[in-house]
Amino acid sequence: MKRWIPFLTPEPLVAVLRLNGMIAADARGRVVLNDAGLAPLIEKAFSRGKPAAVALALNSPGGSPAQSSMIFTRIRRLAAEKGVPVYAFVEDVAASGGYYIACAADEIWVDDNSIVGSIGVVSAGFGFHDFIARHGVERRLYTAGRSKSLLDPFQPEKPEDVARLKSLQEAIHQSFIDRVKARRAGKLHGGADLFAGDVWVGGQAVELGLADGVGHLVPVMKERFGDKVKFRDYGPRRSVWQRFGAQVLGGLAGELEERALWARFGL
């Protein structure tokens, strides 16, 4: 009502984007973070009610580099278009792609026990050629194009395939490094060691310039915008299908992958 009464200034509004989970293009029956799923939420957060700021409540062990970059880019574009500052508040972890998204914020805040960093690229797989040979299975593969069978798990690992994969990883890694350096310009105090894939806890991340301070969303936003600041939450929701069976029927592999990502950080 106050917004319609002359001479009364409405309380400032902070839109809170709750970004919790693995970053992946394919949901496989789970709630994951990706650009397509988050796009309408991010757009609303920056547009509804003329927010004084957007706060990212972030808890992610990472995942897809491309989706991380796309989410980052969307946040930065809207922040520039709307002239709205962005603050990231790390909960348990903002690692790898999770930290990539955190860098979309103008300031990054952590808990004393938050895990931050993992600025690197990882790929994993399995080799089944010995297994199928022992069971009398013959692999038949026909390709047009010298590299179409790159890293085929049913063939012995080839040094040239590994070299090619590493070259791809290096390119993605460098893109990640460039984004972090650009967004944290003048704040980083760790040299090349910051980009070796290591992680740090709370205050350590602040000392290295990966974060700006130890603090939590509500008190920090009240300090910036006053005790009367209001909060409006935005975040992905599970559909009925996701809650009652999609994981069991089709998401086991994805669930294991996500659990493995969290487990890397003891979570």
Protein backbone atom coordinates (compact mmCIF):
# COMPACT_ATOMS: atom_id res chain seq x y z
CA MET A 1 0.00 0.00 0.00
CA LYS A 2 2.82 2.41 0.84
CA ARG A 3 4.01 2.44 -2.76
CA TRP A 4 0.75 4.26 -3.70
CA ILE A 5 0.96 6.90 -0.94
CA PRO A 6 2.87 10.06 -1.94
CA PHE A 7 6.02 11.01 0.00
CA LEU A 8 6.35 7.58 1.62
CA THR A 9 9.37 5.52 0.61
CA PRO A 10 8.73 1.76 0.49
CA GLU A 11 11.06 -0.54 2.36
CA PRO A 12 13.98 -1.75 0.24
CA LEU A 13 13.56 -5.18 -1.32
CA VAL A 14 16.26 -7.83 -1.73
CA ALA A 15 15.48 -10.63 -4.17
CA VAL A 16 17.01 -13.90 -2.95
CA LEU A 17 17.94 -16.47 -5.59
CA ARG A 18 18.35 -19.85 -3.89
CA LEU A 19 20.81 -21.87 -5.97
CA ASN A 20 21.22 -25.26 -4.35
CA GLY A 21 22.53 -28.33 -6.15
CA MET A 22 24.63 -29.74 -8.92
CA ILE A 23 24.97 -27.80 -12.19
CA ALA A 24 23.88 -29.90 -15.16
CA ALA A 25 21.98 -29.55 -18.42
CA ASP A 26 20.13 -32.84 -17.95
CA ALA A 27 17.97 -33.01 -14.84
CA ARG A 28 17.34 -36.81 -15.05
CA GLY A 29 14.45 -36.51 -12.64
CA ARG A 30 16.35 -34.32 -10.18
CA VAL A 31 16.38 -30.64 -9.33
CA VAL A 32 19.63 -29.33 -10.77
CA LEU A 33 20.90 -25.88 -11.71
CA ASN A 34 20.95 -24.97 -15.39
CA ASP A 35 20.35 -21.87 -17.46
CA ALA A 36 17.06 -23.00 -19.00
CA GLY A 37 15.54 -23.85 -15.63
CA LEU A 38 16.82 -20.76 -13.84
CA ALA A 39 16.22 -18.19 -16.60
CA PRO A 40 12.65 -17.22 -15.58
CA LEU A 41 13.60 -17.10 -11.89
CA ILE A 42 16.63 -14.90 -12.54
CA GLU A 43 14.58 -12.59 -14.76
CA LYS A 44 11.90 -12.23 -12.06
CA ALA A 45 14.47 -11.64 -9.32
CA PHE A 46 15.92 -8.66 -11.17
CA SER A 47 12.59 -7.25 -12.38
CA ARG A 48 9.83 -7.73 -9.82
CA GLY A 49 9.33 -4.96 -7.30
CA LYS A 50 12.42 -2.94 -8.29
CA PRO A 51 14.85 -4.76 -5.95
CA ALA A 52 17.62 -2.84 -4.24
CA ALA A 53 19.84 -5.90 -4.66
CA VAL A 54 19.86 -9.54 -5.71
CA ALA A 55 21.36 -12.01 -3.24
CA LEU A 56 22.55 -15.43 -4.36
CA ALA A 57 22.11 -18.01 -1.59
CA LEU A 58 24.57 -20.46 -3.08
CA ASN A 59 25.28 -24.08 -2.24
CA SER A 60 26.78 -26.04 -5.15
CA PRO A 61 29.67 -28.46 -5.68
CA GLY A 62 29.80 -27.56 -9.37
CA GLY A 63 29.09 -29.45 -12.56
CA SER A 64 28.74 -28.37 -16.18
CA PRO A 65 31.21 -25.61 -17.22
CA ALA A 66 28.91 -24.44 -20.02
CA GLN A 67 25.83 -24.17 -17.79
CA SER A 68 27.90 -22.38 -15.12
CA SER A 69 29.06 -19.85 -17.71
CA MET A 70 25.54 -19.33 -19.07
CA ILE A 71 24.07 -18.74 -15.60
CA PHE A 72 26.95 -16.37 -14.79
CA THR A 73 26.42 -14.45 -18.03
CA ARG A 74 22.67 -14.10 -17.50
CA ILE A 75 23.16 -12.72 -13.98
CA ARG A 76 25.80 -10.24 -15.13
CA ARG A 77 23.71 -9.08 -18.11
CA LEU A 78 20.65 -8.39 -15.97
CA ALA A 79 22.70 -6.74 -13.22
CA ALA A 80 24.09 -4.32 -15.82
CA GLU A 81 20.74 -3.71 -17.53
CA LYS A 82 18.84 -3.10 -14.29
CA GLY A 83 21.65 -1.39 -12.37
CA VAL A 84 21.15 -3.83 -9.47
CA PRO A 85 24.07 -4.95 -7.28
CA VAL A 86 24.56 -8.68 -6.70
CA TYR A 87 25.78 -10.33 -3.49
CA ALA A 88 26.66 -14.03 -3.16
CA PHE A 89 26.31 -15.85 0.17
CA VAL A 90 28.00 -19.25 0.21
CA GLU A 91 26.47 -21.88 2.47
CA ASP A 92 28.23 -25.29 2.61
CA VAL A 93 30.15 -25.05 -0.64
CA ALA A 94 30.73 -22.99 -3.77
CA ALA A 95 33.24 -25.08 -5.66
CA SER A 96 34.18 -25.36 -9.32
CA GLY A 97 31.06 -24.27 -11.26
CA GLY A 98 29.50 -23.16 -7.97
CA TYR A 99 32.33 -20.70 -7.47
CA TYR A 100 32.06 -19.69 -11.13
CA ILE A 101 28.47 -18.59 -10.46
CA ALA A 102 29.50 -16.88 -7.21
CA CYS A 103 31.84 -14.69 -9.25
CA ALA A 104 28.80 -13.17 -10.93
CA ALA A 105 28.30 -11.29 -7.64
CA ASP A 106 29.89 -7.95 -6.83
CA GLU A 107 30.70 -9.31 -3.38
CA ILE A 108 31.10 -12.88 -2.13
CA TRP A 109 30.34 -13.69 1.50
CA VAL A 110 31.05 -16.99 3.23
CA ASP A 111 30.41 -18.82 6.48
CA ASP A 112 33.41 -19.70 8.64
CA ASN A 113 32.95 -23.29 7.49
CA SER A 114 32.10 -22.75 3.82
CA ILE A 115 34.27 -24.54 1.26
CA VAL A 116 35.30 -22.34 -1.64
CA GLY A 117 37.40 -22.71 -4.78
CA SER A 118 38.19 -25.78 -6.88
CA ILE A 119 39.05 -23.59 -9.86
CA GLY A 120 39.84 -26.37 -12.29
CA VAL A 121 38.33 -28.90 -14.69
CA VAL A 122 37.83 -32.63 -14.15
CA SER A 123 36.71 -35.47 -16.40
CA ALA A 124 36.12 -39.06 -15.32
CA GLY A 125 35.18 -42.33 -16.92
CA PHE A 126 35.71 -46.09 -16.95
CA GLY A 127 37.50 -48.56 -19.21
CA PHE A 128 35.63 -51.77 -20.05
CA HIS A 129 37.84 -53.36 -22.73
CA ASP A 130 39.34 -56.00 -20.40
CA PHE A 131 35.91 -56.82 -18.95
CA ILE A 132 34.21 -57.43 -22.30
CA ALA A 133 37.21 -59.43 -23.56
CA ARG A 134 37.00 -61.76 -20.54
CA HIS A 135 33.32 -62.35 -21.28
CA GLY A 136 33.83 -63.07 -24.94
CA VAL A 137 32.27 -59.84 -26.20
CA GLU A 138 33.71 -58.41 -29.40
CA ARG A 139 33.56 -54.65 -29.81
CA ARG A 140 32.61 -53.49 -33.32
CA LEU A 141 32.82 -49.79 -34.04
CA TYR A 142 32.80 -48.04 -37.42
CA THR A 143 33.47 -44.33 -37.82
CA ALA A 144 33.91 -41.70 -40.49
CA GLY A 145 36.24 -39.14 -38.99
CA ARG A 146 39.54 -39.84 -37.27
CA SER A 147 38.42 -38.62 -33.84
CA LYS A 148 34.84 -39.92 -33.68
CA SER A 149 35.83 -42.73 -31.29
CA LEU A 150 37.67 -40.40 -28.92
CA LEU A 151 37.98 -41.98 -25.44
CA ASP A 152 35.72 -44.92 -26.30
CA PRO A 153 35.43 -46.78 -22.95
CA PHE A 154 35.27 -50.13 -24.75
CA GLN A 155 38.72 -49.70 -26.31
CA PRO A 156 42.15 -49.47 -24.65
CA GLU A 157 43.05 -45.92 -23.67
CA LYS A 158 45.09 -44.14 -26.34
CA PRO A 159 47.75 -41.55 -25.44
CA GLU A 160 46.63 -39.30 -28.29
CA ASP A 161 43.05 -39.35 -26.95
CA VAL A 162 44.22 -38.37 -23.48
CA ALA A 163 46.33 -35.55 -24.94
CA ARG A 164 43.32 -34.27 -26.87
CA LEU A 165 41.12 -34.36 -23.75
CA LYS A 166 43.73 -32.46 -21.77
CA SER A 167 43.89 -29.78 -24.46
CA LEU A 168 40.12 -29.34 -24.19
CA GLN A 169 40.32 -29.18 -20.40
CA GLU A 170 43.08 -26.56 -20.55
CA ALA A 171 40.95 -24.32 -22.76
CA ILE A 172 37.96 -24.58 -20.40
CA HIS A 173 40.23 -24.07 -17.38
CA GLN A 174 41.72 -20.91 -18.89
CA SER A 175 38.26 -19.51 -19.56
CA PHE A 176 37.38 -20.13 -15.89
CA ILE A 177 40.60 -18.46 -14.73
CA ASP A 178 39.98 -15.43 -16.94
CA ARG A 179 36.48 -14.97 -15.50
CA VAL A 180 37.72 -15.20 -11.91
CA LYS A 181 40.57 -12.75 -12.55
CA ALA A 182 38.23 -10.29 -14.24
CA ARG A 183 35.57 -10.40 -11.52
CA ARG A 184 38.04 -10.48 -8.59
CA ALA A 185 40.45 -7.97 -10.07
CA GLY A 186 42.66 -6.35 -7.43
CA LYS A 187 41.44 -8.73 -4.71
CA LEU A 188 43.30 -12.01 -5.35
CA HIS A 189 46.37 -12.80 -3.23
CA GLY A 190 47.41 -16.31 -4.10
CA GLY A 191 49.04 -16.32 -7.53
CA ALA A 192 48.84 -19.39 -9.73
CA ASP A 193 48.13 -21.67 -6.74
CA LEU A 194 44.59 -20.29 -6.66
CA PHE A 195 43.89 -21.97 -9.99
CA ALA A 196 45.30 -25.43 -9.25
CA GLY A 197 41.93 -26.91 -8.24
CA ASP A 198 42.43 -26.59 -4.48
CA VAL A 199 39.73 -25.51 -2.00
CA TRP A 200 39.76 -23.32 1.10
CA VAL A 201 37.57 -22.79 4.14
CA GLY A 202 35.80 -19.56 5.14
CA GLY A 203 38.38 -17.08 6.39
CA GLN A 204 41.13 -18.64 4.28
CA ALA A 205 39.13 -17.80 1.16
CA VAL A 206 38.76 -14.23 2.41
CA GLU A 207 42.50 -13.91 3.03
CA LEU A 208 43.21 -15.12 -0.50
CA GLY A 209 40.70 -12.72 -2.02
CA LEU A 210 38.35 -15.42 -3.26
CA ALA A 211 35.68 -13.96 -0.95
CA ASP A 212 35.07 -10.53 0.56
CA GLY A 213 34.09 -11.41 4.10
CA VAL A 214 32.54 -13.79 6.59
CA GLY A 215 28.86 -13.03 6.97
CA HIS A 216 25.33 -14.27 6.44
CA LEU A 217 22.61 -13.07 4.10
CA VAL A 218 20.10 -11.43 6.42
CA PRO A 219 22.48 -9.51 8.74
CA VAL A 220 24.69 -8.34 5.86
CA MET A 221 21.71 -7.14 3.83
CA LYS A 222 20.24 -5.38 6.89
CA GLU A 223 23.58 -3.67 7.44
CA ARG A 224 23.55 -2.47 3.82
CA PHE A 225 19.88 -1.60 3.38
CA GLY A 226 18.51 -1.08 6.90
CA ASP A 227 16.54 -3.14 9.40
CA LYS A 228 13.31 -2.75 7.41
CA VAL A 229 14.65 -4.48 4.32
CA LYS A 230 12.30 -7.10 2.88
CA PHE A 231 13.27 -10.39 1.24
CA ARG A 232 11.60 -12.23 -1.63
CA ASP A 233 12.75 -15.78 -2.39
CA TYR A 234 13.16 -17.38 -5.81
CA GLY A 235 14.37 -20.92 -6.38
CA PRO A 236 13.82 -24.15 -8.33
CA ARG A 237 11.03 -26.39 -7.11
CA ARG A 238 10.53 -30.13 -7.42
CA SER A 239 7.59 -31.22 -9.50
CA VAL A 240 5.29 -33.98 -8.25
CA TRP A 241 6.99 -36.36 -10.71
CA GLN A 242 10.44 -35.49 -9.35
CA ARG A 243 9.28 -36.02 -5.77
CA PHE A 244 7.50 -39.33 -6.31
CA GLY A 245 9.51 -41.64 -8.46
CA ALA A 246 11.46 -40.04 -11.31
CA GLN A 247 14.71 -40.54 -9.44
CA VAL A 248 13.97 -44.23 -8.90
CA LEU A 249 12.98 -44.87 -12.50
CA GLY A 250 15.47 -42.82 -14.44
CA GLY A 251 17.87 -40.90 -12.27
CA LEU A 252 20.09 -43.45 -10.52
CA ALA A 253 23.21 -42.66 -12.55
CA GLY A 254 22.65 -38.96 -12.15
CA GLU A 255 22.03 -39.33 -8.43
CA LEU A 256 25.29 -41.23 -8.01
CA GLU A 257 27.13 -38.58 -10.00
CA GLU A 258 25.69 -35.81 -7.82
CA ARG A 259 26.49 -37.67 -4.59
CA ALA A 260 30.07 -38.13 -5.78
CA LEU A 261 30.41 -34.38 -6.39
CA TRP A 262 29.18 -33.51 -2.89
CA ALA A 263 31.34 -36.25 -1.35
CA ARG A 264 34.50 -34.61 -2.70
CA PHE A 265 33.94 -31.89 -0.11
CA GLY A 266 32.89 -34.16 2.76
CA LEU A 267 29.20 -33.37 2.31
